[in-house]
Amino acid sequence: NNPNNNNIHYNSSQTIPSSSVMILEGHSSEVFTCAWSPTASLLASGSGDSTARIWATTPQNTSSSSEPIVLKHYSIDSNEKSKDVTTLDWNGDGTQLATGSYDGLARIWTPKGELTATLARHSGPIFSLKWNKKGDHLLSGAFDKTAVVWDAKTGNVLQQFEFHTAATLDVDWR
């Protein structure tokens, strides 16, 4: 928030009023990625602090009055925090959030923060993942030079592509 100016300028012809800007505090490290739920006022963020967070937002309330749901990507027993959350994506109806992290695991969560699946096939950090339009398959790309198609209900690998000569940094469905 800029105390000397009431507007945030992003284009010479348009401004965003400061009253429409929300500052969300909670991550203890850099935020790599964020995504809005397609069906609710929820924003998911992924960070270098080994967590993703789900923030409840409303257009009328631009302060972060409620605590976010914290999705921990490390074992509480070991307190290992080297699992940066590098990518995330909501499915089309907003009922599932997929996260990809530096430990090579993809995880599927509910909007309430319940872990429903852990998907293990990559041998390196996951940099991108996307739901298909139907919401039953997930595509992930990783440092191990592969892209994997997952059955989101069973967690089974449907297909693995190993055509790249370098890390797979982004994936998308046609």
C-alpha atoms as a PDB file:
ATOM      1  CA  ASN A   1       0.000   0.000   0.000  1.00  0.00           C
ATOM      2  CA  ASN A   2       1.460   3.328  -1.024  1.00  0.00           C
ATOM      3  CA  PRO A   3       0.632   5.971   1.624  1.00  0.00           C
ATOM      4  CA  ASN A   4       1.451   8.824  -0.763  1.00  0.00           C
ATOM      5  CA  ASN A   5      -0.902   7.695  -3.488  1.00  0.00           C
ATOM      6  CA  ASN A   6      -4.395   6.213  -3.363  1.00  0.00           C
ATOM      7  CA  ASN A   7      -4.100   4.362  -6.658  1.00  0.00           C
ATOM      8  CA  ILE A   8      -1.862   1.650  -8.055  1.00  0.00           C
ATOM      9  CA  HIS A   9      -0.852   2.480 -11.635  1.00  0.00           C
ATOM     10  CA  TYR A  10      -0.332  -0.412 -14.003  1.00  0.00           C
ATOM     11  CA  ASN A  11      -1.213   1.242 -17.287  1.00  0.00           C
ATOM     12  CA  SER A  12      -1.197   4.867 -18.315  1.00  0.00           C
ATOM     13  CA  SER A  13      -4.956   4.761 -18.961  1.00  0.00           C
ATOM     14  CA  GLN A  14      -6.114   2.603 -16.029  1.00  0.00           C
ATOM     15  CA  THR A  15      -5.615   2.530 -12.275  1.00  0.00           C
ATOM     16  CA  ILE A  16      -6.538   0.146  -9.492  1.00  0.00           C
ATOM     17  CA  PRO A  17      -7.799   1.879  -6.344  1.00  0.00           C
ATOM     18  CA  SER A  18      -5.773   1.026  -3.243  1.00  0.00           C
ATOM     19  CA  SER A  19      -9.032  -0.047  -1.594  1.00  0.00           C
ATOM     20  CA  SER A  20      -9.165  -2.956  -4.070  1.00  0.00           C
ATOM     21  CA  VAL A  21      -5.696  -4.245  -3.197  1.00  0.00           C
ATOM     22  CA  MET A  22      -5.335  -7.007  -0.611  1.00  0.00           C
ATOM     23  CA  ILE A  23      -2.070  -7.814   1.137  1.00  0.00           C
ATOM     24  CA  LEU A  24      -1.878 -11.428   2.278  1.00  0.00           C
ATOM     25  CA  GLU A  25       0.741 -12.173   4.906  1.00  0.00           C
ATOM     26  CA  GLY A  26       1.754 -15.589   6.143  1.00  0.00           C
ATOM     27  CA  HIS A  27       4.422 -17.190   3.974  1.00  0.00           C
ATOM     28  CA  SER A  28       7.926 -17.049   5.443  1.00  0.00           C
ATOM     29  CA  SER A  29       9.675 -17.280   2.070  1.00  0.00           C
ATOM     30  CA  GLU A  30       9.142 -16.213  -1.533  1.00  0.00           C
ATOM     31  CA  VAL A  31       5.873 -17.029  -3.292  1.00  0.00           C
ATOM     32  CA  PHE A  32       6.442 -18.907  -6.563  1.00  0.00           C
ATOM     33  CA  THR A  33       2.895 -19.300  -7.800  1.00  0.00           C
ATOM     34  CA  CYS A  34      -0.732 -18.438  -7.146  1.00  0.00           C
ATOM     35  CA  ALA A  35      -4.105 -19.297  -8.684  1.00  0.00           C
ATOM     36  CA  TRP A  36      -7.703 -18.227  -8.129  1.00  0.00           C
ATOM     37  CA  SER A  37     -10.379 -20.852  -7.614  1.00  0.00           C
ATOM     38  CA  PRO A  38     -12.711 -20.816 -10.622  1.00  0.00           C
ATOM     39  CA  THR A  39     -15.814 -21.089  -8.425  1.00  0.00           C
ATOM     40  CA  ALA A  40     -15.124 -19.398  -5.076  1.00  0.00           C
ATOM     41  CA  SER A  41     -13.314 -16.396  -3.627  1.00  0.00           C
ATOM     42  CA  LEU A  42     -10.272 -18.507  -2.809  1.00  0.00           C
ATOM     43  CA  LEU A  43      -6.684 -17.781  -3.770  1.00  0.00           C
ATOM     44  CA  ALA A  44      -4.061 -20.511  -3.483  1.00  0.00           C
ATOM     45  CA  SER A  45      -0.380 -19.633  -3.175  1.00  0.00           C
ATOM     46  CA  GLY A  46       2.744 -21.799  -3.221  1.00  0.00           C
ATOM     47  CA  SER A  47       5.984 -20.827  -1.533  1.00  0.00           C
ATOM     48  CA  GLY A  48       9.591 -21.640  -0.773  1.00  0.00           C
ATOM     49  CA  ASP A  49       8.553 -22.180   2.853  1.00  0.00           C
ATOM     50  CA  SER A  50       7.324 -25.702   1.927  1.00  0.00           C
ATOM     51  CA  THR A  51       3.667 -24.720   2.144  1.00  0.00           C
ATOM     52  CA  ALA A  52       0.770 -23.810  -0.056  1.00  0.00           C
ATOM     53  CA  ARG A  53      -1.962 -21.654   1.440  1.00  0.00           C
ATOM     54  CA  ILE A  54      -5.610 -21.201   0.605  1.00  0.00           C
ATOM     55  CA  TRP A  55      -6.801 -17.677   1.307  1.00  0.00           C
ATOM     56  CA  ALA A  56     -10.512 -16.834   1.620  1.00  0.00           C
ATOM     57  CA  THR A  57     -11.165 -13.440   0.091  1.00  0.00           C
ATOM     58  CA  THR A  58     -14.228 -11.313  -0.465  1.00  0.00           C
ATOM     59  CA  PRO A  59     -14.596  -8.237  -2.669  1.00  0.00           C
ATOM     60  CA  GLN A  60     -15.850  -6.184   0.288  1.00  0.00           C
ATOM     61  CA  ASN A  61     -12.997  -7.138   2.603  1.00  0.00           C
ATOM     62  CA  THR A  62      -9.514  -6.210   1.431  1.00  0.00           C
ATOM     63  CA  SER A  63      -7.787  -7.032   4.698  1.00  0.00           C
ATOM     64  CA  SER A  64      -6.561 -10.528   5.438  1.00  0.00           C
ATOM     65  CA  SER A  65      -8.742 -10.930   8.515  1.00  0.00           C
ATOM     66  CA  SER A  66      -9.094 -14.704   8.369  1.00  0.00           C
ATOM     67  CA  GLU A  67      -6.167 -17.079   8.669  1.00  0.00           C
ATOM     68  CA  PRO A  68      -5.344 -19.058   5.526  1.00  0.00           C
ATOM     69  CA  ILE A  69      -5.510 -22.825   5.371  1.00  0.00           C
ATOM     70  CA  VAL A  70      -1.914 -24.078   5.407  1.00  0.00           C
ATOM     71  CA  LEU A  71      -1.053 -27.092   3.239  1.00  0.00           C
ATOM     72  CA  LYS A  72       2.201 -28.496   4.623  1.00  0.00           C
ATOM     73  CA  HIS A  73       4.535 -30.201   2.169  1.00  0.00           C
ATOM     74  CA  TYR A  74       6.881 -31.646   4.769  1.00  0.00           C
ATOM     75  CA  SER A  75       6.739 -34.213   7.517  1.00  0.00           C
ATOM     76  CA  ILE A  76       6.001 -32.723  10.923  1.00  0.00           C
ATOM     77  CA  ASP A  77       8.247 -35.409  12.459  1.00  0.00           C
ATOM     78  CA  SER A  78      11.331 -34.459  10.464  1.00  0.00           C
ATOM     79  CA  ASN A  79      10.364 -30.778  10.039  1.00  0.00           C
ATOM     80  CA  GLU A  80      12.214 -30.978   6.712  1.00  0.00           C
ATOM     81  CA  LYS A  81      11.585 -27.783   4.808  1.00  0.00           C
ATOM     82  CA  SER A  82      13.238 -28.284   1.444  1.00  0.00           C
ATOM     83  CA  LYS A  83      10.045 -28.920  -0.491  1.00  0.00           C
ATOM     84  CA  ASP A  84       9.288 -25.616  -2.222  1.00  0.00           C
ATOM     85  CA  VAL A  85       5.791 -25.540  -3.690  1.00  0.00           C
ATOM     86  CA  THR A  86       6.619 -24.530  -7.252  1.00  0.00           C
ATOM     87  CA  THR A  87       3.293 -24.925  -9.054  1.00  0.00           C
ATOM     88  CA  LEU A  88      -0.411 -25.321  -8.366  1.00  0.00           C
ATOM     89  CA  ASP A  89      -3.693 -25.483 -10.247  1.00  0.00           C
ATOM     90  CA  TRP A  90      -7.414 -25.700  -9.370  1.00  0.00           C
ATOM     91  CA  ASN A  91      -9.614 -28.144 -11.243  1.00  0.00           C
ATOM     92  CA  GLY A  92     -12.452 -26.656 -13.306  1.00  0.00           C
ATOM     93  CA  ASP A  93     -15.146 -26.893 -10.635  1.00  0.00           C
ATOM     94  CA  GLY A  94     -12.890 -25.704  -7.805  1.00  0.00           C
ATOM     95  CA  THR A  95     -13.257 -28.902  -5.777  1.00  0.00           C
ATOM     96  CA  GLN A  96      -9.590 -29.936  -5.976  1.00  0.00           C
ATOM     97  CA  LEU A  97      -6.272 -28.124  -5.818  1.00  0.00           C
ATOM     98  CA  ALA A  98      -3.179 -29.839  -7.189  1.00  0.00           C
ATOM     99  CA  THR A  99       0.264 -28.789  -6.001  1.00  0.00           C
ATOM    100  CA  GLY A 100       3.693 -29.719  -7.302  1.00  0.00           C
ATOM    101  CA  SER A 101       6.819 -29.374  -5.242  1.00  0.00           C
ATOM    102  CA  TYR A 102      10.577 -29.629  -5.214  1.00  0.00           C
ATOM    103  CA  ASP A 103      10.436 -33.125  -3.708  1.00  0.00           C
ATOM    104  CA  GLY A 104       9.021 -34.466  -7.012  1.00  0.00           C
ATOM    105  CA  LEU A 105       5.572 -35.182  -5.576  1.00  0.00           C
ATOM    106  CA  ALA A 106       2.238 -33.909  -6.830  1.00  0.00           C
ATOM    107  CA  ARG A 107      -0.475 -33.636  -4.203  1.00  0.00           C
ATOM    108  CA  ILE A 108      -4.237 -33.197  -4.483  1.00  0.00           C
ATOM    109  CA  TRP A 109      -6.121 -31.267  -1.782  1.00  0.00           C
ATOM    110  CA  THR A 110      -9.689 -30.233  -1.052  1.00  0.00           C
ATOM    111  CA  PRO A 111     -10.500 -26.520  -0.678  1.00  0.00           C
ATOM    112  CA  LYS A 112     -10.661 -27.195   3.081  1.00  0.00           C
ATOM    113  CA  GLY A 113      -7.032 -28.357   3.069  1.00  0.00           C
ATOM    114  CA  GLU A 114      -7.502 -32.125   3.246  1.00  0.00           C
ATOM    115  CA  LEU A 115      -4.842 -34.120   1.400  1.00  0.00           C
ATOM    116  CA  THR A 116      -6.630 -36.663  -0.805  1.00  0.00           C
ATOM    117  CA  ALA A 117      -3.765 -38.019  -2.935  1.00  0.00           C
ATOM    118  CA  THR A 118       0.005 -38.016  -3.247  1.00  0.00           C
ATOM    119  CA  LEU A 119       1.301 -38.772  -6.732  1.00  0.00           C
ATOM    120  CA  ALA A 120       4.849 -40.132  -6.992  1.00  0.00           C
ATOM    121  CA  ARG A 121       6.633 -40.802 -10.288  1.00  0.00           C
ATOM    122  CA  HIS A 122       8.956 -37.871 -10.946  1.00  0.00           C
ATOM    123  CA  SER A 123      12.583 -38.152  -9.861  1.00  0.00           C
ATOM    124  CA  GLY A 124      13.070 -34.402  -9.595  1.00  0.00           C
ATOM    125  CA  PRO A 125      11.274 -31.147  -8.791  1.00  0.00           C
ATOM    126  CA  ILE A 126       7.881 -30.564 -10.434  1.00  0.00           C
ATOM    127  CA  PHE A 127       7.719 -27.208 -12.196  1.00  0.00           C
ATOM    128  CA  SER A 128       4.278 -27.309 -13.795  1.00  0.00           C
ATOM    129  CA  LEU A 129       0.983 -29.118 -13.527  1.00  0.00           C
ATOM    130  CA  LYS A 130      -2.427 -28.622 -15.076  1.00  0.00           C
ATOM    131  CA  TRP A 131      -5.862 -30.235 -14.817  1.00  0.00           C
ATOM    132  CA  ASN A 132      -7.628 -31.293 -17.986  1.00  0.00           C
ATOM    133  CA  LYS A 133     -10.999 -29.645 -18.722  1.00  0.00           C
ATOM    134  CA  LYS A 134     -12.997 -32.609 -17.434  1.00  0.00           C
ATOM    135  CA  GLY A 135     -11.039 -32.575 -14.161  1.00  0.00           C
ATOM    136  CA  ASP A 136     -10.249 -36.281 -14.089  1.00  0.00           C
ATOM    137  CA  HIS A 137      -6.637 -36.129 -15.298  1.00  0.00           C
ATOM    138  CA  LEU A 138      -3.621 -34.148 -14.216  1.00  0.00           C
ATOM    139  CA  LEU A 139      -0.532 -33.403 -16.315  1.00  0.00           C
ATOM    140  CA  SER A 140       2.794 -32.650 -14.625  1.00  0.00           C
ATOM    141  CA  GLY A 141       6.224 -31.630 -15.915  1.00  0.00           C
ATOM    142  CA  ALA A 142       9.462 -31.882 -13.971  1.00  0.00           C
ATOM    143  CA  PHE A 143      13.212 -31.409 -13.814  1.00  0.00           C
ATOM    144  CA  ASP A 144      13.633 -35.103 -14.668  1.00  0.00           C
ATOM    145  CA  LYS A 145      12.786 -34.201 -18.313  1.00  0.00           C
ATOM    146  CA  THR A 146       9.432 -36.006 -18.206  1.00  0.00           C
ATOM    147  CA  ALA A 147       5.758 -35.160 -18.405  1.00  0.00           C
ATOM    148  CA  VAL A 148       3.275 -37.468 -16.668  1.00  0.00           C
ATOM    149  CA  VAL A 149      -0.477 -37.904 -17.200  1.00  0.00           C
ATOM    150  CA  TRP A 150      -2.207 -38.981 -13.958  1.00  0.00           C
ATOM    151  CA  ASP A 151      -5.631 -40.431 -13.236  1.00  0.00           C
ATOM    152  CA  ALA A 152      -6.708 -38.015 -10.503  1.00  0.00           C
ATOM    153  CA  LYS A 153      -9.147 -40.460  -8.879  1.00  0.00           C
ATOM    154  CA  THR A 154      -6.807 -43.435  -8.572  1.00  0.00           C
ATOM    155  CA  GLY A 155      -3.421 -41.694  -8.580  1.00  0.00           C
ATOM    156  CA  ASN A 156      -2.237 -44.082 -11.293  1.00  0.00           C
ATOM    157  CA  VAL A 157       0.131 -43.003 -14.038  1.00  0.00           C
ATOM    158  CA  LEU A 158      -1.679 -43.229 -17.373  1.00  0.00           C
ATOM    159  CA  GLN A 159       1.230 -42.154 -19.531  1.00  0.00           C
ATOM    160  CA  GLN A 160       4.773 -40.832 -19.134  1.00  0.00           C
ATOM    161  CA  PHE A 161       6.556 -38.858 -21.856  1.00  0.00           C
ATOM    162  CA  GLU A 162      10.347 -38.889 -21.945  1.00  0.00           C
ATOM    163  CA  PHE A 163      11.075 -36.869 -25.098  1.00  0.00           C
ATOM    164  CA  HIS A 164      12.779 -33.815 -23.601  1.00  0.00           C
ATOM    165  CA  THR A 165      16.520 -33.221 -23.445  1.00  0.00           C
ATOM    166  CA  ALA A 166      16.211 -30.734 -20.588  1.00  0.00           C
ATOM    167  CA  ALA A 167      13.852 -30.022 -17.698  1.00  0.00           C
ATOM    168  CA  THR A 168      10.141 -29.845 -18.520  1.00  0.00           C
ATOM    169  CA  LEU A 169       9.323 -26.376 -17.214  1.00  0.00           C
ATOM    170  CA  ASP A 170       5.738 -26.024 -18.435  1.00  0.00           C
ATOM    171  CA  VAL A 171       2.869 -28.256 -19.548  1.00  0.00           C
ATOM    172  CA  ASP A 172      -0.611 -27.689 -20.920  1.00  0.00           C
ATOM    173  CA  TRP A 173      -3.519 -29.596 -22.440  1.00  0.00           C
ATOM    174  CA  ARG A 174      -4.704 -29.086 -25.990  1.00  0.00           C
END
